[in-house]
Amino acid sequence: MILVAGSTGSLGTEIVRLLRERGESVRGLVRPTSAQEKVEHLHDLGAETVKGDLKDRASLDAACRGARTVISTVSMIQTAQAGDSFKDTDEAGTISLIDAARDAGAEHFIYVSFDMESFPDTPLTDAKRAVEEHLRKGVGGIDYTILRPTPFMEIWLGPHLFGDLSAGEVKVYGQGTGSVPYVSSHDVAQVAVNAVYSPSARNRTITFGGPDLITQREVVHEFESAVGKPLIVTEVPEQVLETQWQNAQNPFEKVFAGLMLGVAKLDQKEVNADEHLPARMTTVHEFAQRRAGEAASA
């Protein structure tokens, strides 16, 4: 049986779907407060669910019981509730899940982190690094795979951070001339599932992105072509983001400013190749066409 933590999120749900397509027995770890329609969707996919919380070790012990593999996509950045923090939830909570998996006899822990090398320090990067270090130093014989994807298309080219296509307005961070290997969450899910079955993924950190090295300005052109009209572009200056990051008054402000600053500074020179990546990955062109179609039918 495979336990998926973060199973009601878009990435976790896609991992559940792909595993169920392979006929795997899957258990989704969900919070007591998880949206009922998302939990029901997991049931529709054929997964069982168990309620738990990363801050409640007993619930994690119960969730891990009988699991041979545990996959964690958990981050509270979009789902924070009262009592959550990057330190207590993303860091200590995930480490507690790793230890619960080990104590339950699981063989393999797959952790979805992100490629943070070009990003400034924030409470999120601190938490991710602490979890990665806990896995790498060895936790009683359980194997690990750390996945470090680049920025997700669905987030950075979605309506909240990129722009509203129906209004014809989009944003770029910094000058928008550095190359960014945006990756689709579907492809990240496929890499996670591939890692379940591959001995060569064990005790490795896999850093990867999408198939394109494309600047934010080139992304705007792709979307303009997809919607068939010019878009109004607002540039968020790098210096503004730097100031926001330095002067942030709370952890969330620090994290969001740091993520935007990291994208503004990102300029990757080559696409990472790895045997665990899908043979064909989603391109920015395909994603732009899809978003334009959704906007037109809304």
C-alpha atoms as a PDB file:
ATOM      1  CA  MET A   1       0.000   0.000   0.000  1.00  0.00           C
ATOM      2  CA  ILE A   2       1.178   3.530  -0.790  1.00  0.00           C
ATOM      3  CA  LEU A   3       0.362   6.464   1.481  1.00  0.00           C
ATOM      4  CA  VAL A   4       0.079   9.906  -0.140  1.00  0.00           C
ATOM      5  CA  ALA A   5       0.288  12.893   2.215  1.00  0.00           C
ATOM      6  CA  GLY A   6      -1.136  16.057   0.716  1.00  0.00           C
ATOM      7  CA  SER A   7      -3.550  13.936  -1.283  1.00  0.00           C
ATOM      8  CA  THR A   8      -6.284  16.584  -1.570  1.00  0.00           C
ATOM      9  CA  GLY A   9      -3.927  19.067  -3.249  1.00  0.00           C
ATOM     10  CA  SER A  10      -3.726  19.156  -7.028  1.00  0.00           C
ATOM     11  CA  LEU A  11      -0.330  17.428  -7.131  1.00  0.00           C
ATOM     12  CA  GLY A  12      -1.234  14.832  -4.509  1.00  0.00           C
ATOM     13  CA  THR A  13      -4.528  14.018  -6.208  1.00  0.00           C
ATOM     14  CA  GLU A  14      -2.752  13.529  -9.539  1.00  0.00           C
ATOM     15  CA  ILE A  15      -0.275  11.171  -7.896  1.00  0.00           C
ATOM     16  CA  VAL A  16      -3.176   9.194  -6.424  1.00  0.00           C
ATOM     17  CA  ARG A  17      -4.830   9.017  -9.849  1.00  0.00           C
ATOM     18  CA  LEU A  18      -1.693   7.768 -11.576  1.00  0.00           C
ATOM     19  CA  LEU A  19      -1.050   5.157  -8.889  1.00  0.00           C
ATOM     20  CA  ARG A  20      -4.609   3.903  -9.073  1.00  0.00           C
ATOM     21  CA  GLU A  21      -4.265   3.594 -12.868  1.00  0.00           C
ATOM     22  CA  ARG A  22      -1.435   1.162 -12.131  1.00  0.00           C
ATOM     23  CA  GLY A  23      -3.696  -0.806  -9.836  1.00  0.00           C
ATOM     24  CA  GLU A  24      -1.967   0.232  -6.630  1.00  0.00           C
ATOM     25  CA  SER A  25      -3.664   0.215  -3.260  1.00  0.00           C
ATOM     26  CA  VAL A  26      -3.515   3.866  -2.192  1.00  0.00           C
ATOM     27  CA  ARG A  27      -4.326   5.622   1.056  1.00  0.00           C
ATOM     28  CA  GLY A  28      -4.684   9.391   1.164  1.00  0.00           C
ATOM     29  CA  LEU A  29      -3.773  11.281   4.329  1.00  0.00           C
ATOM     30  CA  VAL A  30      -6.356  14.047   4.730  1.00  0.00           C
ATOM     31  CA  ARG A  31      -7.017  16.606   7.412  1.00  0.00           C
ATOM     32  CA  PRO A  32     -10.260  16.509   9.389  1.00  0.00           C
ATOM     33  CA  THR A  33     -10.943  19.920   7.837  1.00  0.00           C
ATOM     34  CA  SER A  34     -10.255  18.868   4.233  1.00  0.00           C
ATOM     35  CA  ALA A  35     -12.937  19.842   1.743  1.00  0.00           C
ATOM     36  CA  GLN A  36     -15.429  16.992   1.540  1.00  0.00           C
ATOM     37  CA  GLU A  37     -15.651  17.134  -2.252  1.00  0.00           C
ATOM     38  CA  LYS A  38     -11.880  16.608  -2.510  1.00  0.00           C
ATOM     39  CA  VAL A  39     -12.031  13.649  -0.141  1.00  0.00           C
ATOM     40  CA  GLU A  40     -14.921  12.178  -2.124  1.00  0.00           C
ATOM     41  CA  HIS A  41     -12.903  12.583  -5.317  1.00  0.00           C
ATOM     42  CA  LEU A  42     -10.149  10.444  -3.802  1.00  0.00           C
ATOM     43  CA  HIS A  43     -12.765   7.799  -3.003  1.00  0.00           C
ATOM     44  CA  ASP A  44     -14.036   8.025  -6.594  1.00  0.00           C
ATOM     45  CA  LEU A  45     -10.492   7.291  -7.755  1.00  0.00           C
ATOM     46  CA  GLY A  46     -10.550   4.138  -5.634  1.00  0.00           C
ATOM     47  CA  ALA A  47      -8.328   5.339  -2.799  1.00  0.00           C
ATOM     48  CA  GLU A  48      -9.056   4.957   0.874  1.00  0.00           C
ATOM     49  CA  THR A  49      -8.529   7.953   3.148  1.00  0.00           C
ATOM     50  CA  VAL A  50      -7.344   8.372   6.723  1.00  0.00           C
ATOM     51  CA  LYS A  51      -7.649  11.517   8.797  1.00  0.00           C
ATOM     52  CA  GLY A  52      -4.538  12.926  10.353  1.00  0.00           C
ATOM     53  CA  ASP A  53      -2.429  15.983  10.994  1.00  0.00           C
ATOM     54  CA  LEU A  54       1.323  16.468  10.706  1.00  0.00           C
ATOM     55  CA  LYS A  55       1.341  17.946  14.205  1.00  0.00           C
ATOM     56  CA  ASP A  56      -0.281  14.799  15.660  1.00  0.00           C
ATOM     57  CA  ARG A  57       2.243  11.953  15.684  1.00  0.00           C
ATOM     58  CA  ALA A  58      -0.302   9.335  16.778  1.00  0.00           C
ATOM     59  CA  SER A  59      -2.416  10.076  13.704  1.00  0.00           C
ATOM     60  CA  LEU A  60       0.661   9.691  11.492  1.00  0.00           C
ATOM     61  CA  ASP A  61       1.514   6.338  13.065  1.00  0.00           C
ATOM     62  CA  ALA A  62      -1.988   5.125  12.231  1.00  0.00           C
ATOM     63  CA  ALA A  63      -1.814   6.513   8.682  1.00  0.00           C
ATOM     64  CA  CYS A  64       1.535   4.829   7.944  1.00  0.00           C
ATOM     65  CA  ARG A  65       0.524   1.433   9.259  1.00  0.00           C
ATOM     66  CA  GLY A  66       0.912  -1.111   6.453  1.00  0.00           C
ATOM     67  CA  ALA A  67       2.444   1.345   3.952  1.00  0.00           C
ATOM     68  CA  ARG A  68       5.488   0.210   2.007  1.00  0.00           C
ATOM     69  CA  THR A  69       5.976   3.639   0.379  1.00  0.00           C
ATOM     70  CA  VAL A  70       5.070   7.124   1.615  1.00  0.00           C
ATOM     71  CA  ILE A  71       4.895  10.118  -0.725  1.00  0.00           C
ATOM     72  CA  SER A  72       4.657  13.623   0.715  1.00  0.00           C
ATOM     73  CA  THR A  73       3.623  16.684  -1.273  1.00  0.00           C
ATOM     74  CA  VAL A  74       2.589  18.604   1.843  1.00  0.00           C
ATOM     75  CA  SER A  75       3.145  22.328   2.207  1.00  0.00           C
ATOM     76  CA  MET A  76       0.973  24.692   4.164  1.00  0.00           C
ATOM     77  CA  ILE A  77       1.735  27.618   1.851  1.00  0.00           C
ATOM     78  CA  GLN A  78      -1.723  27.457   0.265  1.00  0.00           C
ATOM     79  CA  THR A  79      -3.645  25.588   2.959  1.00  0.00           C
ATOM     80  CA  ALA A  80      -2.512  27.128   6.245  1.00  0.00           C
ATOM     81  CA  GLN A  81      -4.880  26.833   9.174  1.00  0.00           C
ATOM     82  CA  ALA A  82      -4.784  28.060  12.760  1.00  0.00           C
ATOM     83  CA  GLY A  83      -1.716  26.695  14.518  1.00  0.00           C
ATOM     84  CA  ASP A  84       0.226  26.009  11.315  1.00  0.00           C
ATOM     85  CA  SER A  85       3.680  27.395  10.664  1.00  0.00           C
ATOM     86  CA  PHE A  86       6.480  26.562   8.266  1.00  0.00           C
ATOM     87  CA  LYS A  87       8.600  25.466  11.227  1.00  0.00           C
ATOM     88  CA  ASP A  88       5.951  23.319  12.915  1.00  0.00           C
ATOM     89  CA  THR A  89       4.112  21.957   9.870  1.00  0.00           C
ATOM     90  CA  ASP A  90       6.378  21.922   6.807  1.00  0.00           C
ATOM     91  CA  GLU A  91       9.520  21.088   8.811  1.00  0.00           C
ATOM     92  CA  ALA A  92       8.760  19.362  12.115  1.00  0.00           C
ATOM     93  CA  GLY A  93       5.520  17.838  10.819  1.00  0.00           C
ATOM     94  CA  THR A  94       7.134  16.323   7.740  1.00  0.00           C
ATOM     95  CA  ILE A  95      10.052  15.007   9.797  1.00  0.00           C
ATOM     96  CA  SER A  96       7.502  13.423  12.133  1.00  0.00           C
ATOM     97  CA  LEU A  97       5.842  11.783   9.101  1.00  0.00           C
ATOM     98  CA  ILE A  98       9.214  10.419   7.957  1.00  0.00           C
ATOM     99  CA  ASP A  99       9.856   8.964  11.393  1.00  0.00           C
ATOM    100  CA  ALA A 100       6.361   7.489  11.544  1.00  0.00           C
ATOM    101  CA  ALA A 101       6.924   5.860   8.141  1.00  0.00           C
ATOM    102  CA  ARG A 102      10.233   4.401   9.330  1.00  0.00           C
ATOM    103  CA  ASP A 103       8.742   3.082  12.558  1.00  0.00           C
ATOM    104  CA  ALA A 104       5.841   1.522  10.641  1.00  0.00           C
ATOM    105  CA  GLY A 105       8.281  -0.423   8.465  1.00  0.00           C
ATOM    106  CA  ALA A 106       7.929   1.542   5.233  1.00  0.00           C
ATOM    107  CA  GLU A 107      10.735   0.951   2.743  1.00  0.00           C
ATOM    108  CA  HIS A 108      10.728   4.201   0.786  1.00  0.00           C
ATOM    109  CA  PHE A 109       9.885   7.876   1.431  1.00  0.00           C
ATOM    110  CA  ILE A 110       9.427  10.178  -1.574  1.00  0.00           C
ATOM    111  CA  TYR A 111       9.542  13.872  -0.718  1.00  0.00           C
ATOM    112  CA  VAL A 112       8.509  16.636  -3.103  1.00  0.00           C
ATOM    113  CA  SER A 113      10.710  19.632  -2.351  1.00  0.00           C
ATOM    114  CA  PHE A 114      11.643  22.227  -4.976  1.00  0.00           C
ATOM    115  CA  ASP A 115      14.745  23.480  -6.763  1.00  0.00           C
ATOM    116  CA  MET A 116      15.591  26.301  -4.363  1.00  0.00           C
ATOM    117  CA  GLU A 117      19.216  26.951  -5.284  1.00  0.00           C
ATOM    118  CA  SER A 118      18.420  30.288  -6.969  1.00  0.00           C
ATOM    119  CA  PHE A 119      15.964  31.375  -4.283  1.00  0.00           C
ATOM    120  CA  PRO A 120      16.736  33.482  -1.198  1.00  0.00           C
ATOM    121  CA  ASP A 121      16.372  32.103   2.303  1.00  0.00           C
ATOM    122  CA  THR A 122      12.841  32.060   3.674  1.00  0.00           C
ATOM    123  CA  PRO A 123      10.968  30.023   6.290  1.00  0.00           C
ATOM    124  CA  LEU A 124       9.872  27.713   3.455  1.00  0.00           C
ATOM    125  CA  THR A 125      13.369  27.055   2.107  1.00  0.00           C
ATOM    126  CA  ASP A 126      14.633  26.570   5.680  1.00  0.00           C
ATOM    127  CA  ALA A 127      11.932  23.953   6.275  1.00  0.00           C
ATOM    128  CA  LYS A 128      12.573  22.146   2.987  1.00  0.00           C
ATOM    129  CA  ARG A 129      16.322  21.991   3.608  1.00  0.00           C
ATOM    130  CA  ALA A 130      15.815  20.624   7.125  1.00  0.00           C
ATOM    131  CA  VAL A 131      13.567  17.836   5.816  1.00  0.00           C
ATOM    132  CA  GLU A 132      15.987  17.002   3.019  1.00  0.00           C
ATOM    133  CA  GLU A 133      18.858  16.817   5.508  1.00  0.00           C
ATOM    134  CA  HIS A 134      16.849  14.546   7.796  1.00  0.00           C
ATOM    135  CA  LEU A 135      16.293  12.154   4.904  1.00  0.00           C
ATOM    136  CA  ARG A 136      19.870  12.250   3.644  1.00  0.00           C
ATOM    137  CA  LYS A 137      21.461  11.563   7.033  1.00  0.00           C
ATOM    138  CA  GLY A 138      19.540   8.289   7.217  1.00  0.00           C
ATOM    139  CA  VAL A 139      16.565   7.456   9.380  1.00  0.00           C
ATOM    140  CA  GLY A 140      16.914   3.845  10.342  1.00  0.00           C
ATOM    141  CA  GLY A 141      17.152   2.150   6.973  1.00  0.00           C
ATOM    142  CA  ILE A 142      14.281   3.718   5.050  1.00  0.00           C
ATOM    143  CA  ASP A 143      15.274   4.689   1.507  1.00  0.00           C
ATOM    144  CA  TYR A 144      14.466   8.163   0.227  1.00  0.00           C
ATOM    145  CA  THR A 145      13.924  10.048  -2.992  1.00  0.00           C
ATOM    146  CA  ILE A 146      13.967  13.845  -2.932  1.00  0.00           C
ATOM    147  CA  LEU A 147      12.313  15.521  -5.908  1.00  0.00           C
ATOM    148  CA  ARG A 148      13.317  19.102  -6.676  1.00  0.00           C
ATOM    149  CA  PRO A 149      11.118  20.421  -9.483  1.00  0.00           C
ATOM    150  CA  THR A 150      11.413  23.930 -10.899  1.00  0.00           C
ATOM    151  CA  PRO A 151       8.502  26.469 -10.849  1.00  0.00           C
ATOM    152  CA  PHE A 152       5.113  24.922 -11.623  1.00  0.00           C
ATOM    153  CA  MET A 153       3.230  26.187 -14.671  1.00  0.00           C
ATOM    154  CA  GLU A 154      -0.066  25.875 -12.868  1.00  0.00           C
ATOM    155  CA  ILE A 155       1.116  28.310 -10.189  1.00  0.00           C
ATOM    156  CA  TRP A 156       3.495  30.712 -11.920  1.00  0.00           C
ATOM    157  CA  LEU A 157       1.560  30.838 -15.206  1.00  0.00           C
ATOM    158  CA  GLY A 158      -1.844  30.637 -13.527  1.00  0.00           C
ATOM    159  CA  PRO A 159      -4.395  33.355 -12.801  1.00  0.00           C
ATOM    160  CA  HIS A 160      -3.030  34.444  -9.421  1.00  0.00           C
ATOM    161  CA  LEU A 161       0.652  34.980 -10.136  1.00  0.00           C
ATOM    162  CA  PHE A 162       0.722  35.433 -13.923  1.00  0.00           C
ATOM    163  CA  GLY A 163      -2.549  37.088 -14.766  1.00  0.00           C
ATOM    164  CA  ASP A 164      -6.186  37.176 -15.765  1.00  0.00           C
ATOM    165  CA  LEU A 165      -6.421  36.348 -19.462  1.00  0.00           C
ATOM    166  CA  SER A 166     -10.007  37.548 -19.711  1.00  0.00           C
ATOM    167  CA  ALA A 167      -8.864  40.987 -18.530  1.00  0.00           C
ATOM    168  CA  GLY A 168      -5.828  40.835 -20.803  1.00  0.00           C
ATOM    169  CA  GLU A 169      -3.385  41.691 -18.009  1.00  0.00           C
ATOM    170  CA  VAL A 170      -0.314  39.709 -16.936  1.00  0.00           C
ATOM    171  CA  LYS A 171       2.779  40.144 -14.752  1.00  0.00           C
ATOM    172  CA  VAL A 172       6.462  39.463 -15.128  1.00  0.00           C
ATOM    173  CA  TYR A 173       8.859  39.412 -12.192  1.00  0.00           C
ATOM    174  CA  GLY A 174      12.023  41.412 -12.652  1.00  0.00           C
ATOM    175  CA  GLN A 175      12.996  42.152 -16.244  1.00  0.00           C
ATOM    176  CA  GLY A 176      11.685  38.784 -17.357  1.00  0.00           C
ATOM    177  CA  THR A 177      14.704  37.967 -19.512  1.00  0.00           C
ATOM    178  CA  GLY A 178      16.122  34.998 -17.594  1.00  0.00           C
ATOM    179  CA  SER A 179      15.325  31.470 -18.725  1.00  0.00           C
ATOM    180  CA  VAL A 180      12.855  29.533 -16.559  1.00  0.00           C
ATOM    181  CA  PRO A 181      12.233  25.767 -17.044  1.00  0.00           C
ATOM    182  CA  TYR A 182       8.553  25.792 -16.006  1.00  0.00           C
ATOM    183  CA  VAL A 183       7.231  22.304 -15.293  1.00  0.00           C
ATOM    184  CA  SER A 184       3.677  20.951 -15.253  1.00  0.00           C
ATOM    185  CA  SER A 185       2.386  19.486 -11.992  1.00  0.00           C
ATOM    186  CA  HIS A 186       1.161  16.485 -14.030  1.00  0.00           C
ATOM    187  CA  ASP A 187       4.748  15.754 -15.049  1.00  0.00           C
ATOM    188  CA  VAL A 188       5.950  16.171 -11.454  1.00  0.00           C
ATOM    189  CA  ALA A 189       3.334  13.637 -10.392  1.00  0.00           C
ATOM    190  CA  GLN A 190       4.580  11.236 -13.062  1.00  0.00           C
ATOM    191  CA  VAL A 191       8.171  11.571 -11.832  1.00  0.00           C
ATOM    192  CA  ALA A 192       7.000  10.795  -8.289  1.00  0.00           C
ATOM    193  CA  VAL A 193       5.183   7.677  -9.493  1.00  0.00           C
ATOM    194  CA  ASN A 194       8.146   6.602 -11.629  1.00  0.00           C
ATOM    195  CA  ALA A 195      10.343   6.885  -8.532  1.00  0.00           C
ATOM    196  CA  VAL A 196       8.115   4.382  -6.706  1.00  0.00           C
ATOM    197  CA  TYR A 197       9.135   1.606  -9.089  1.00  0.00           C
ATOM    198  CA  SER A 198      12.754   2.492  -9.901  1.00  0.00           C
ATOM    199  CA  PRO A 199      15.625   1.154  -7.781  1.00  0.00           C
ATOM    200  CA  SER A 200      17.869   3.827  -9.319  1.00  0.00           C
ATOM    201  CA  ALA A 201      15.699   6.544  -7.741  1.00  0.00           C
ATOM    202  CA  ARG A 202      16.513   5.311  -4.235  1.00  0.00           C
ATOM    203  CA  ASN A 203      18.674   7.527  -2.037  1.00  0.00           C
ATOM    204  CA  ARG A 204      18.872  10.219  -4.690  1.00  0.00           C
ATOM    205  CA  THR A 205      17.954  13.854  -5.141  1.00  0.00           C
ATOM    206  CA  ILE A 206      16.396  14.411  -8.568  1.00  0.00           C
ATOM    207  CA  THR A 207      16.373  18.024  -9.752  1.00  0.00           C
ATOM    208  CA  PHE A 208      14.354  18.617 -12.893  1.00  0.00           C
ATOM    209  CA  GLY A 209      12.241  21.060 -14.867  1.00  0.00           C
ATOM    210  CA  GLY A 210      10.058  21.138 -17.937  1.00  0.00           C
ATOM    211  CA  PRO A 211      11.178  20.712 -21.543  1.00  0.00           C
ATOM    212  CA  ASP A 212      11.537  24.443 -22.317  1.00  0.00           C
ATOM    213  CA  LEU A 213      14.056  27.052 -21.293  1.00  0.00           C
ATOM    214  CA  ILE A 214      11.891  30.106 -21.824  1.00  0.00           C
ATOM    215  CA  THR A 215      11.957  33.661 -20.526  1.00  0.00           C
ATOM    216  CA  GLN A 216       8.961  35.315 -18.914  1.00  0.00           C
ATOM    217  CA  ARG A 217       8.816  37.717 -21.879  1.00  0.00           C
ATOM    218  CA  GLU A 218       8.664  34.761 -24.261  1.00  0.00           C
ATOM    219  CA  VAL A 219       5.903  33.281 -22.115  1.00  0.00           C
ATOM    220  CA  VAL A 220       3.891  36.472 -22.621  1.00  0.00           C
ATOM    221  CA  HIS A 221       4.272  36.070 -26.398  1.00  0.00           C
ATOM    222  CA  GLU A 222       3.062  32.469 -26.153  1.00  0.00           C
ATOM    223  CA  PHE A 223      -0.042  33.604 -24.291  1.00  0.00           C
ATOM    224  CA  GLU A 224      -0.627  36.497 -26.694  1.00  0.00           C
ATOM    225  CA  SER A 225      -0.539  34.018 -29.565  1.00  0.00           C
ATOM    226  CA  ALA A 226      -2.883  31.684 -27.687  1.00  0.00           C
ATOM    227  CA  VAL A 227      -5.494  34.366 -26.913  1.00  0.00           C
ATOM    228  CA  GLY A 228      -5.047  36.158 -30.235  1.00  0.00           C
ATOM    229  CA  LYS A 229      -4.463  39.645 -28.826  1.00  0.00           C
ATOM    230  CA  PRO A 230      -1.794  41.738 -27.107  1.00  0.00           C
ATOM    231  CA  LEU A 231      -1.611  41.553 -23.322  1.00  0.00           C
ATOM    232  CA  ILE A 232      -0.946  44.401 -20.923  1.00  0.00           C
ATOM    233  CA  VAL A 233       2.273  43.549 -19.090  1.00  0.00           C
ATOM    234  CA  THR A 234       3.069  44.831 -15.603  1.00  0.00           C
ATOM    235  CA  GLU A 235       6.693  44.436 -14.553  1.00  0.00           C
ATOM    236  CA  VAL A 236       7.321  43.934 -10.850  1.00  0.00           C
ATOM    237  CA  PRO A 237      10.850  45.340 -10.446  1.00  0.00           C
ATOM    238  CA  GLU A 238      13.442  43.088  -8.872  1.00  0.00           C
ATOM    239  CA  GLN A 239      14.441  45.829  -6.449  1.00  0.00           C
ATOM    240  CA  VAL A 240      10.860  46.090  -5.197  1.00  0.00           C
ATOM    241  CA  LEU A 241      10.805  42.348  -4.561  1.00  0.00           C
ATOM    242  CA  GLU A 242      14.195  42.540  -2.850  1.00  0.00           C
ATOM    243  CA  THR A 243      12.885  45.246  -0.530  1.00  0.00           C
ATOM    244  CA  GLN A 244       9.711  43.279   0.197  1.00  0.00           C
ATOM    245  CA  TRP A 245      11.774  40.207   1.029  1.00  0.00           C
ATOM    246  CA  GLN A 246      14.181  42.097   3.301  1.00  0.00           C
ATOM    247  CA  ASN A 247      11.432  44.023   5.111  1.00  0.00           C
ATOM    248  CA  ALA A 248       8.801  41.287   5.389  1.00  0.00           C
ATOM    249  CA  GLN A 249       6.859  41.515   8.648  1.00  0.00           C
ATOM    250  CA  ASN A 250       5.707  37.888   8.886  1.00  0.00           C
ATOM    251  CA  PRO A 251       6.720  34.455   7.570  1.00  0.00           C
ATOM    252  CA  PHE A 252       4.145  34.411   4.768  1.00  0.00           C
ATOM    253  CA  GLU A 253       5.257  37.782   3.418  1.00  0.00           C
ATOM    254  CA  LYS A 254       8.868  36.580   3.586  1.00  0.00           C
ATOM    255  CA  VAL A 255       8.064  33.383   1.695  1.00  0.00           C
ATOM    256  CA  PHE A 256       5.981  34.954  -1.071  1.00  0.00           C
ATOM    257  CA  ALA A 257       8.437  37.803  -1.608  1.00  0.00           C
ATOM    258  CA  GLY A 258      11.302  35.302  -1.646  1.00  0.00           C
ATOM    259  CA  LEU A 259       9.603  33.082  -4.197  1.00  0.00           C
ATOM    260  CA  MET A 260       8.843  35.988  -6.521  1.00  0.00           C
ATOM    261  CA  LEU A 261      12.386  37.309  -6.115  1.00  0.00           C
ATOM    262  CA  GLY A 262      13.767  33.866  -6.919  1.00  0.00           C
ATOM    263  CA  VAL A 263      11.772  33.681 -10.150  1.00  0.00           C
ATOM    264  CA  ALA A 264      12.887  37.203 -11.055  1.00  0.00           C
ATOM    265  CA  LYS A 265      16.540  36.161 -10.649  1.00  0.00           C
ATOM    266  CA  LEU A 266      16.240  32.708 -12.214  1.00  0.00           C
ATOM    267  CA  ASP A 267      18.223  32.192 -15.407  1.00  0.00           C
ATOM    268  CA  GLN A 268      18.859  28.499 -15.997  1.00  0.00           C
ATOM    269  CA  LYS A 269      21.280  27.620 -18.786  1.00  0.00           C
ATOM    270  CA  GLU A 270      20.320  24.021 -19.512  1.00  0.00           C
ATOM    271  CA  VAL A 271      17.466  21.580 -19.132  1.00  0.00           C
ATOM    272  CA  ASN A 272      18.037  18.860 -16.546  1.00  0.00           C
ATOM    273  CA  ALA A 273      17.696  15.376 -17.999  1.00  0.00           C
ATOM    274  CA  ASP A 274      16.923  12.289 -15.944  1.00  0.00           C
ATOM    275  CA  GLU A 275      15.748   8.774 -16.696  1.00  0.00           C
ATOM    276  CA  HIS A 276      12.752   9.219 -14.380  1.00  0.00           C
ATOM    277  CA  LEU A 277      11.213  12.069 -16.358  1.00  0.00           C
ATOM    278  CA  PRO A 278       8.294  11.316 -18.709  1.00  0.00           C
ATOM    279  CA  ALA A 279       9.340  10.726 -22.301  1.00  0.00           C
ATOM    280  CA  ARG A 280       7.129  13.617 -23.347  1.00  0.00           C
ATOM    281  CA  MET A 281       6.541  16.577 -21.056  1.00  0.00           C
ATOM    282  CA  THR A 282       4.075  19.449 -21.205  1.00  0.00           C
ATOM    283  CA  THR A 283       5.385  22.529 -23.003  1.00  0.00           C
ATOM    284  CA  VAL A 284       4.592  26.149 -22.172  1.00  0.00           C
ATOM    285  CA  HIS A 285       2.970  26.427 -25.606  1.00  0.00           C
ATOM    286  CA  GLU A 286       0.560  23.607 -24.768  1.00  0.00           C
ATOM    287  CA  PHE A 287      -0.173  25.069 -21.354  1.00  0.00           C
ATOM    288  CA  ALA A 288      -0.855  28.524 -22.807  1.00  0.00           C
ATOM    289  CA  GLN A 289      -3.231  27.051 -25.380  1.00  0.00           C
ATOM    290  CA  ARG A 290      -5.079  25.191 -22.637  1.00  0.00           C
ATOM    291  CA  ARG A 291      -5.419  28.268 -20.420  1.00  0.00           C
ATOM    292  CA  ALA A 292      -6.603  30.352 -23.363  1.00  0.00           C
ATOM    293  CA  GLY A 293      -9.243  27.766 -24.175  1.00  0.00           C
ATOM    294  CA  GLU A 294     -10.443  27.717 -20.573  1.00  0.00           C
ATOM    295  CA  ALA A 295     -10.621  31.502 -20.501  1.00  0.00           C
ATOM    296  CA  ALA A 296     -12.601  31.582 -23.745  1.00  0.00           C
ATOM    297  CA  SER A 297     -15.160  29.083 -22.470  1.00  0.00           C
ATOM    298  CA  ALA A 298     -15.540  30.665 -19.021  1.00  0.00           C
END
